[in-house]
Protein backbone atom coordinates (compact mmCIF):
# COMPACT_ATOMS: atom_id res chain seq x y z
CA UNK A 1 -43.45 -64.66 25.34
CA UNK A 2 -41.50 -67.36 23.53
CA UNK A 3 -43.20 -69.23 20.69
CA UNK A 4 -41.83 -72.03 18.55
CA UNK A 5 -42.54 -71.02 14.98
CA UNK A 6 -41.44 -73.13 12.02
CA UNK A 7 -38.63 -74.69 14.02
CA UNK A 8 -37.33 -71.51 15.70
CA UNK A 9 -38.13 -69.91 19.06
CA UNK A 10 -39.32 -66.35 18.47
CA UNK A 11 -39.82 -63.51 20.94
CA UNK A 12 -43.43 -62.35 20.49
CA UNK A 13 -45.62 -59.70 22.10
CA UNK A 14 -49.39 -59.33 21.56
CA UNK A 15 -51.48 -56.34 22.61
CA UNK A 16 -55.16 -55.45 22.37
CA UNK A 17 -58.46 -57.23 22.76
CA UNK A 18 -59.05 -60.71 21.43
CA UNK A 19 -61.35 -60.49 18.43
CA UNK A 20 -60.16 -57.04 17.34
CA UNK A 21 -58.68 -56.82 13.82
CA UNK A 22 -55.11 -58.09 13.84
CA UNK A 23 -52.06 -56.05 12.81
CA UNK A 24 -48.76 -57.91 12.41
CA UNK A 25 -45.88 -55.43 12.33
CA UNK A 26 -42.42 -56.52 11.15
CA UNK A 27 -39.39 -54.61 12.39
CA UNK A 28 -36.76 -53.22 10.03
CA UNK A 29 -33.04 -53.81 9.96
CA UNK A 30 -32.43 -57.52 9.46
CA UNK A 31 -29.80 -58.18 12.12
CA UNK A 32 -30.03 -54.75 13.79
CA UNK A 33 -33.80 -54.45 14.32
CA UNK A 34 -36.09 -55.78 17.00
CA UNK A 35 -39.72 -55.68 18.09
CA UNK A 36 -39.03 -52.52 20.12
CA UNK A 37 -39.51 -50.32 17.03
CA UNK A 38 -42.90 -51.66 15.87
CA UNK A 39 -44.07 -51.81 19.49
CA UNK A 40 -43.45 -48.07 19.83
CA UNK A 41 -44.96 -47.36 16.43
CA UNK A 42 -48.07 -49.54 16.47
CA UNK A 43 -48.61 -50.15 20.18
CA UNK A 44 -50.87 -47.09 20.52
CA UNK A 45 -53.27 -48.70 18.03
CA UNK A 46 -54.00 -51.50 20.50
CA UNK A 47 -56.98 -49.49 21.75
CA UNK A 48 -58.88 -50.60 18.62
CA UNK A 49 -56.72 -53.31 17.08
CA UNK A 50 -54.86 -56.42 18.15
CA UNK A 51 -51.17 -55.65 17.58
CA UNK A 52 -48.60 -58.44 17.22
CA UNK A 53 -44.90 -57.60 17.18
CA UNK A 54 -41.97 -60.00 17.25
CA UNK A 55 -38.25 -60.46 16.73
CA UNK A 56 -37.70 -62.18 13.40
CA UNK A 57 -35.62 -65.35 13.49
CA UNK A 58 -31.97 -64.45 13.88
CA UNK A 59 -32.86 -60.96 15.12
CA UNK A 60 -33.41 -59.37 18.51
CA UNK A 61 -33.88 -62.09 21.14
CA UNK A 62 -35.21 -64.75 18.78
CA UNK A 63 -33.38 -67.98 18.07
CA UNK A 64 -30.77 -68.10 15.31
CA UNK A 65 -32.15 -70.77 13.00
CA UNK A 66 -31.41 -70.09 9.33
CA UNK A 67 -32.40 -69.49 6.62
CA UNK A 68 -32.93 -65.74 7.06
CA UNK A 69 -34.55 -65.48 3.66
CA UNK A 70 -37.53 -63.34 2.72
CA UNK A 71 -39.55 -66.50 2.07
CA UNK A 72 -38.78 -67.88 5.53
CA UNK A 73 -39.50 -64.63 7.31
CA UNK A 74 -42.82 -64.33 5.40
CA UNK A 75 -43.69 -67.92 6.34
CA UNK A 76 -43.06 -67.04 9.98
CA UNK A 77 -45.49 -64.12 9.67
CA UNK A 78 -48.16 -66.48 8.41
CA UNK A 79 -47.54 -68.94 11.23
CA UNK A 80 -47.98 -66.10 13.73
CA UNK A 81 -51.26 -65.10 12.05
CA UNK A 82 -52.50 -68.68 12.46
CA UNK A 83 -51.35 -68.78 16.09
CA UNK A 84 -53.23 -65.52 16.76
CA UNK A 85 -56.40 -67.10 15.38
CA UNK A 86 -57.00 -64.55 12.61
CA UNK A 87 -58.18 -65.41 9.12
CA UNK A 88 -56.99 -62.02 7.86
CA UNK A 89 -54.64 -59.34 9.13
CA UNK A 90 -53.15 -56.00 8.24
CA UNK A 91 -49.42 -56.41 7.75
CA UNK A 92 -46.98 -53.57 8.39
CA UNK A 93 -43.28 -53.06 7.94
CA UNK A 94 -40.73 -50.27 7.87
CA UNK A 95 -37.44 -50.23 5.98
CA UNK A 96 -36.29 -53.87 5.59
CA UNK A 97 -39.51 -54.91 7.32
CA UNK A 98 -41.37 -53.35 4.41
CA UNK A 99 -39.72 -55.90 2.11
CA UNK A 100 -41.18 -58.69 4.23
CA UNK A 101 -44.61 -57.05 4.50
CA UNK A 102 -44.84 -56.89 0.70
CA UNK A 103 -43.45 -60.41 0.28
CA UNK A 104 -46.05 -61.71 2.72
CA UNK A 105 -48.95 -59.87 1.09
CA UNK A 106 -47.95 -61.20 -2.33
CA UNK A 107 -47.55 -64.77 -1.07
CA UNK A 108 -50.78 -64.81 1.00
CA UNK A 109 -53.20 -62.26 -0.50
CA UNK A 110 -56.21 -64.14 0.86
CA UNK A 111 -55.06 -63.41 4.42
CA UNK A 112 -54.22 -59.70 4.03
CA UNK A 113 -56.74 -56.90 4.51
CA UNK A 114 -54.27 -54.00 4.18
CA UNK A 115 -50.56 -53.17 4.06
CA UNK A 116 -48.77 -50.31 5.84
CA UNK A 117 -45.27 -49.51 4.55
CA UNK A 118 -42.72 -47.02 5.85
CA UNK A 119 -39.52 -45.92 4.09
CA UNK A 120 -38.94 -49.05 2.05
CA UNK A 121 -38.16 -50.12 -1.52
CA UNK A 122 -39.65 -52.41 -4.20
CA UNK A 123 -36.19 -53.66 -5.25
CA UNK A 124 -32.51 -53.39 -4.40
CA UNK A 125 -31.89 -50.29 -6.53
CA UNK A 126 -32.10 -48.14 -3.40
CA UNK A 127 -28.57 -49.26 -2.50
CA UNK A 128 -27.04 -47.40 -5.45
CA UNK A 129 -28.99 -44.30 -4.45
CA UNK A 130 -27.83 -44.70 -0.85
CA UNK A 131 -24.21 -44.74 -1.99
CA UNK A 132 -24.77 -41.60 -4.08
CA UNK A 133 -26.53 -39.82 -1.23
CA UNK A 134 -23.78 -40.79 1.21
CA UNK A 135 -21.16 -39.32 -1.13
CA UNK A 136 -23.01 -36.02 -1.48
CA UNK A 137 -23.86 -35.42 2.21
CA UNK A 138 -21.73 -33.31 4.52
CA UNK A 139 -23.02 -34.39 7.94
CA UNK A 140 -20.39 -37.05 8.66
CA UNK A 141 -17.12 -38.27 7.17
CA UNK A 142 -17.62 -41.70 5.62
CA UNK A 143 -15.12 -44.51 6.15
CA UNK A 144 -15.75 -46.24 2.82
CA UNK A 145 -14.20 -49.54 3.84
CA UNK A 146 -16.61 -49.66 6.79
CA UNK A 147 -19.49 -48.50 4.60
CA UNK A 148 -18.82 -51.31 2.12
CA UNK A 149 -18.50 -53.92 4.87
CA UNK A 150 -21.91 -52.95 6.21
CA UNK A 151 -23.83 -52.78 2.92
CA UNK A 152 -22.14 -55.81 1.36
CA UNK A 153 -22.79 -58.02 4.38
CA UNK A 154 -19.16 -58.62 5.34
CA UNK A 155 -19.47 -57.89 9.07
CA UNK A 156 -17.19 -60.04 11.26
CA UNK A 157 -19.14 -60.16 14.52
CA UNK A 158 -21.91 -58.54 16.55
CA UNK A 159 -19.59 -55.96 18.11
CA UNK A 160 -18.43 -54.79 14.70
CA UNK A 161 -22.03 -54.54 13.48
CA UNK A 162 -22.80 -52.23 16.42
CA UNK A 163 -19.73 -50.09 15.67
CA UNK A 164 -20.60 -49.81 11.98
CA UNK A 165 -24.20 -48.89 12.79
CA UNK A 166 -22.98 -46.15 15.14
CA UNK A 167 -21.08 -44.62 12.20
CA UNK A 168 -24.13 -44.72 9.90
CA UNK A 169 -26.97 -43.68 12.19
CA UNK A 170 -26.33 -39.90 11.90
CA UNK A 171 -27.42 -40.10 8.25
CA UNK A 172 -30.92 -41.30 9.06
CA UNK A 173 -32.68 -38.32 10.64
CA UNK A 174 -33.75 -35.02 9.14
CA UNK A 175 -32.68 -33.19 12.31
CA UNK A 176 -29.58 -34.88 13.69
CA UNK A 177 -29.74 -35.56 17.44
CA UNK A 178 -26.43 -37.10 18.67
CA UNK A 179 -27.82 -37.88 22.14
CA UNK A 180 -30.82 -39.72 20.71
CA UNK A 181 -28.60 -41.57 18.24
CA UNK A 182 -26.19 -42.70 20.96
CA UNK A 183 -29.07 -43.97 23.09
CA UNK A 184 -30.53 -45.81 20.11
CA UNK A 185 -27.21 -47.51 19.35
CA UNK A 186 -26.82 -48.65 22.96
CA UNK A 187 -30.39 -49.96 23.10
CA UNK A 188 -29.97 -52.07 19.96
CA UNK A 189 -29.51 -55.82 19.70
CA UNK A 190 -26.96 -56.80 17.03
CA UNK A 191 -26.98 -60.10 15.11
CA UNK A 192 -24.37 -60.05 12.35
CA UNK A 193 -25.27 -63.45 10.85
CA UNK A 194 -28.77 -62.30 9.88
CA UNK A 195 -27.45 -58.94 8.70
CA UNK A 196 -24.87 -60.58 6.44
CA UNK A 197 -27.47 -62.99 5.05
CA UNK A 198 -29.68 -60.05 4.04
CA UNK A 199 -27.00 -58.44 1.91
CA UNK A 200 -25.18 -61.53 0.63
CA UNK A 201 -28.21 -63.68 -0.22
CA UNK A 202 -31.45 -61.67 -0.19
CA UNK A 203 -30.72 -58.29 -1.71
CA UNK A 204 -28.95 -59.38 -4.93
CA UNK A 205 -32.18 -60.94 -6.25
CA UNK A 206 -34.74 -58.75 -4.50
CA UNK A 207 -37.17 -57.19 -7.01
CA UNK A 208 -40.95 -57.11 -6.52
CA UNK A 209 -41.84 -54.58 -9.22
CA UNK A 210 -43.35 -57.12 -11.63
CA UNK A 211 -45.50 -58.62 -8.86
CA UNK A 212 -46.79 -55.49 -7.15
CA UNK A 213 -49.64 -54.81 -9.65
CA UNK A 214 -51.22 -58.05 -8.40
CA UNK A 215 -51.46 -56.68 -4.85
CA UNK A 216 -55.16 -55.81 -4.64
CA UNK A 217 -55.59 -54.75 -1.03
CA UNK A 218 -55.23 -51.10 0.07
CA UNK A 219 -51.58 -50.14 0.63
CA UNK A 220 -50.44 -47.10 2.62
CA UNK A 221 -46.95 -46.06 1.51
CA UNK A 222 -45.25 -43.59 3.86
CA UNK A 223 -41.80 -42.03 3.56
CA UNK A 224 -39.74 -39.17 4.94
CA UNK A 225 -38.89 -36.48 2.42
CA UNK A 226 -35.22 -36.54 3.43
CA UNK A 227 -34.73 -40.32 3.57
CA UNK A 228 -31.22 -41.04 2.24
CA UNK A 229 -31.32 -44.87 2.12
CA UNK A 230 -34.81 -45.59 0.72
CA UNK A 231 -35.52 -42.27 -1.00
CA UNK A 232 -38.95 -40.94 -1.91
CA UNK A 233 -38.60 -42.28 -5.46
CA UNK A 234 -38.71 -45.84 -4.09
CA UNK A 235 -42.02 -45.22 -2.34
CA UNK A 236 -43.40 -43.47 -5.42
CA UNK A 237 -42.65 -46.58 -7.46
CA UNK A 238 -44.50 -48.81 -4.99
CA UNK A 239 -47.52 -46.49 -4.84
CA UNK A 240 -47.64 -46.27 -8.64
CA UNK A 241 -47.47 -50.04 -9.12
CA UNK A 242 -50.08 -51.24 -6.62
CA UNK A 243 -53.68 -50.61 -7.74
CA UNK A 244 -54.76 -49.05 -4.42
CA UNK A 245 -51.54 -47.39 -3.33
CA UNK A 246 -51.74 -44.27 -1.18
CA UNK A 247 -48.53 -42.28 -0.86
CA UNK A 248 -47.91 -39.95 2.09
CA UNK A 249 -44.64 -37.99 2.27
CA UNK A 250 -43.59 -36.58 5.64
CA UNK A 251 -41.84 -33.31 4.85
CA UNK A 252 -39.83 -32.92 8.07
CA UNK A 253 -38.50 -36.46 8.38
CA UNK A 254 -35.64 -38.63 7.26
CA UNK A 255 -35.88 -42.42 7.42
CA UNK A 256 -38.07 -42.43 10.55
CA UNK A 257 -41.22 -40.28 10.33
CA UNK A 258 -42.72 -42.52 13.04
CA UNK A 259 -40.19 -40.83 15.35
CA UNK A 260 -39.61 -37.39 13.86
CA UNK A 261 -43.27 -36.63 13.11
CA UNK A 262 -44.80 -39.15 15.46
CA UNK A 263 -48.26 -37.65 16.03
CA UNK A 264 -48.88 -37.02 12.34
CA UNK A 265 -47.58 -40.47 11.44
CA UNK A 266 -49.85 -42.20 13.96
CA UNK A 267 -52.87 -40.18 12.84
CA UNK A 268 -52.15 -41.07 9.21
CA UNK A 269 -51.85 -44.79 9.91
CA UNK A 270 -54.89 -44.85 12.18
CA UNK A 271 -57.01 -42.99 9.64
CA UNK A 272 -55.99 -45.40 6.90
CA UNK A 273 -56.66 -48.54 8.94
CA UNK A 274 -59.97 -47.25 10.29
CA UNK A 275 -61.07 -46.70 6.69
CA UNK A 276 -59.96 -49.94 5.05
CA UNK A 277 -59.83 -52.68 7.70
CA UNK A 278 -63.17 -54.43 8.30
CA UNK A 279 -64.25 -54.50 11.92
CA UNK A 280 -65.90 -57.56 13.40
């Protein structure tokens, strides 16, 4: 469905019974992500929860209405919570979506019952580690001009963003599957304006470490052992800083344990939510 949220039309999907505890799941990849990923990840939980997924403004099929800032994206999450009629929700996010999940929980703690994070970072220091890991890997040959264009937010158009993502995607999995990667690239929706905004405007000042100790709700922090772009050390920092942080490392995964170890990932998230989220 299409909803007008804070001046932008967003693509939104809602699953589960009215009155069930609400989960709002934010996709990763500002400019390359869409609701398809959190729908696959959290959709199975709609048997006991109400699951809301959406394309963030400027991403997927949602309207391109800037700014594409963390504050704006978090404000959109809160507007969706209000629209869904929930006083509190669990908020989830993987990769870049984890940034927004934490930003939202810190800005609106009174409305958050729990946080679920996957392969994310408390600050922008993961980018230096990603560069180091890219230099040391042997899976693919890196075109460093292309690599810089992607991570510095200097992408010229949507077609170039797709091409650059196709070069990078082999780095993301523990067990490389070229057929799966090619299908994923073709299924993507590419929005270079939002992508560039993330790395030109958002990332240079992104640092939540000083605020995370104030996050008092339970926080599940999940990460793949072989994640090259948001390594395990990033998740360890988050889990150490939040008072009720629970770290789970998936030993046979890269950046996407929700894909590579799907059944274990779903069982872990379900067990956490069933424990900490109050049921009406």
